[in-house]
């Protein structure tokens, strides 16, 4: 298992994974991600927003999840959780969420929320 920060070269693989979940990622949601990723990639040391990928043994992106600060609620929001269909039911989504919660705890926060 390898979880690492999203890189520019991962974007097309993550978009493909998200497209496989059209109820969770309808077009109006999918449209938000390229801009979010670009902002994150431009300032990777920004703690208000981070995106991670889970790499399969083959090196292929098998999952994605991120967090961003919802300033209105003053809480971090877990966003973009998606696992490729061929890699589901292997604990990848849980590993990504656990990693995000660990990172948020490092920021001194103990509460997050996720929308559906």
Protein backbone atom coordinates (compact mmCIF):
# COMPACT_ATOMS: atom_id res chain seq x y z
CA UNK A 1 0.00 0.00 0.00
CA UNK A 2 1.21 3.45 -0.84
CA UNK A 3 -0.72 6.62 -0.16
CA UNK A 4 0.86 9.82 -1.39
CA UNK A 5 -0.09 13.34 -2.33
CA UNK A 6 -1.79 13.82 -5.67
CA UNK A 7 0.52 14.72 -8.54
CA UNK A 8 -0.43 16.40 -11.81
CA UNK A 9 0.15 13.14 -13.68
CA UNK A 10 -2.53 11.42 -11.53
CA UNK A 11 -5.39 13.67 -12.56
CA UNK A 12 -6.62 11.75 -15.60
CA UNK A 13 -6.62 8.45 -13.68
CA UNK A 14 -8.56 10.03 -10.80
CA UNK A 15 -11.07 11.59 -13.20
CA UNK A 16 -11.58 8.17 -14.78
CA UNK A 17 -12.21 6.61 -11.35
CA UNK A 18 -14.65 9.37 -10.40
CA UNK A 19 -16.48 9.04 -13.73
CA UNK A 20 -17.20 5.44 -12.75
CA UNK A 21 -19.30 6.77 -9.86
CA UNK A 22 -21.78 9.09 -11.63
CA UNK A 23 -24.20 9.37 -8.69
CA UNK A 24 -21.43 10.52 -6.36
CA UNK A 25 -19.67 12.64 -8.99
CA UNK A 26 -22.23 14.16 -11.39
CA UNK A 27 -20.89 16.62 -13.99
CA UNK A 28 -21.39 19.72 -11.82
CA UNK A 29 -19.23 18.14 -9.09
CA UNK A 30 -16.62 16.82 -11.53
CA UNK A 31 -16.20 20.35 -12.91
CA UNK A 32 -14.90 21.54 -9.51
CA UNK A 33 -11.97 19.14 -9.25
CA UNK A 34 -9.54 20.37 -11.92
CA UNK A 35 -9.60 23.86 -10.39
CA UNK A 36 -9.25 22.46 -6.85
CA UNK A 37 -6.34 20.24 -7.90
CA UNK A 38 -4.59 23.09 -9.70
CA UNK A 39 -4.83 25.29 -6.61
CA UNK A 40 -3.51 22.46 -4.44
CA UNK A 41 -0.65 21.63 -6.82
CA UNK A 42 0.37 25.29 -6.98
CA UNK A 43 0.67 25.57 -3.17
CA UNK A 44 1.29 22.07 -1.79
CA UNK A 45 2.31 23.35 1.63
CA UNK A 46 -1.17 24.77 2.18
CA UNK A 47 -2.71 22.84 5.07
CA UNK A 48 -6.26 23.93 4.23
CA UNK A 49 -6.53 21.58 1.27
CA UNK A 50 -4.84 18.29 0.43
CA UNK A 51 -5.54 15.47 -2.03
CA UNK A 52 -4.17 11.95 -1.82
CA UNK A 53 -4.05 8.91 -4.06
CA UNK A 54 -3.74 5.26 -3.23
CA UNK A 55 -1.39 3.39 -5.52
CA UNK A 56 -1.92 -0.27 -6.35
CA UNK A 57 1.09 -2.58 -6.53
CA UNK A 58 1.13 -1.97 -10.28
CA UNK A 59 1.71 1.74 -9.63
CA UNK A 60 -1.72 2.59 -11.00
CA UNK A 61 -3.97 4.95 -9.05
CA UNK A 62 -6.58 2.80 -7.29
CA UNK A 63 -8.27 5.47 -5.19
CA UNK A 64 -8.48 9.16 -4.30
CA UNK A 65 -9.62 11.28 -1.37
CA UNK A 66 -8.97 14.73 -0.08
CA UNK A 67 -9.87 17.32 2.46
CA UNK A 68 -10.48 21.02 2.38
CA UNK A 69 -11.32 23.61 4.97
CA UNK A 70 -14.93 24.73 4.92
CA UNK A 71 -14.42 28.25 6.24
CA UNK A 72 -18.14 28.81 6.80
CA UNK A 73 -18.31 25.90 9.26
CA UNK A 74 -14.67 26.12 10.39
CA UNK A 75 -14.41 22.37 9.83
CA UNK A 76 -12.48 20.21 7.43
CA UNK A 77 -14.55 18.41 4.83
CA UNK A 78 -13.56 15.03 3.42
CA UNK A 79 -14.08 15.16 -0.35
CA UNK A 80 -13.58 13.13 -3.48
CA UNK A 81 -13.49 9.65 -1.95
CA UNK A 82 -13.49 7.20 -4.83
CA UNK A 83 -11.99 3.77 -5.48
CA UNK A 84 -11.73 2.13 -8.88
CA UNK A 85 -14.30 -0.65 -9.33
CA UNK A 86 -11.65 -3.34 -9.79
CA UNK A 87 -10.03 -2.36 -6.47
CA UNK A 88 -13.12 -2.05 -4.30
CA UNK A 89 -13.72 -4.06 -1.13
CA UNK A 90 -10.01 -4.13 -0.32
CA UNK A 91 -10.00 -1.41 2.36
CA UNK A 92 -8.62 1.29 0.06
CA UNK A 93 -11.35 3.85 0.84
CA UNK A 94 -10.93 3.20 4.57
CA UNK A 95 -7.15 3.58 4.30
CA UNK A 96 -7.54 6.90 2.49
CA UNK A 97 -10.04 8.23 5.03
CA UNK A 98 -7.86 7.03 7.94
CA UNK A 99 -4.91 8.84 6.38
CA UNK A 100 -6.92 12.05 5.98
CA UNK A 101 -8.16 11.91 9.57
CA UNK A 102 -4.58 11.40 10.76
CA UNK A 103 -3.42 14.44 8.76
CA UNK A 104 -6.27 16.57 10.12
CA UNK A 105 -5.45 15.49 13.70
CA UNK A 106 -1.89 16.72 13.06
CA UNK A 107 -3.45 20.12 12.35
CA UNK A 108 -5.01 20.09 15.81
CA UNK A 109 -8.54 19.31 14.67
CA UNK A 110 -10.69 16.46 15.91
CA UNK A 111 -13.87 16.96 13.90
CA UNK A 112 -14.54 16.65 10.18
CA UNK A 113 -17.60 16.31 8.02
CA UNK A 114 -18.38 14.74 4.69
CA UNK A 115 -21.21 15.54 2.34
CA UNK A 116 -22.87 13.11 -0.01
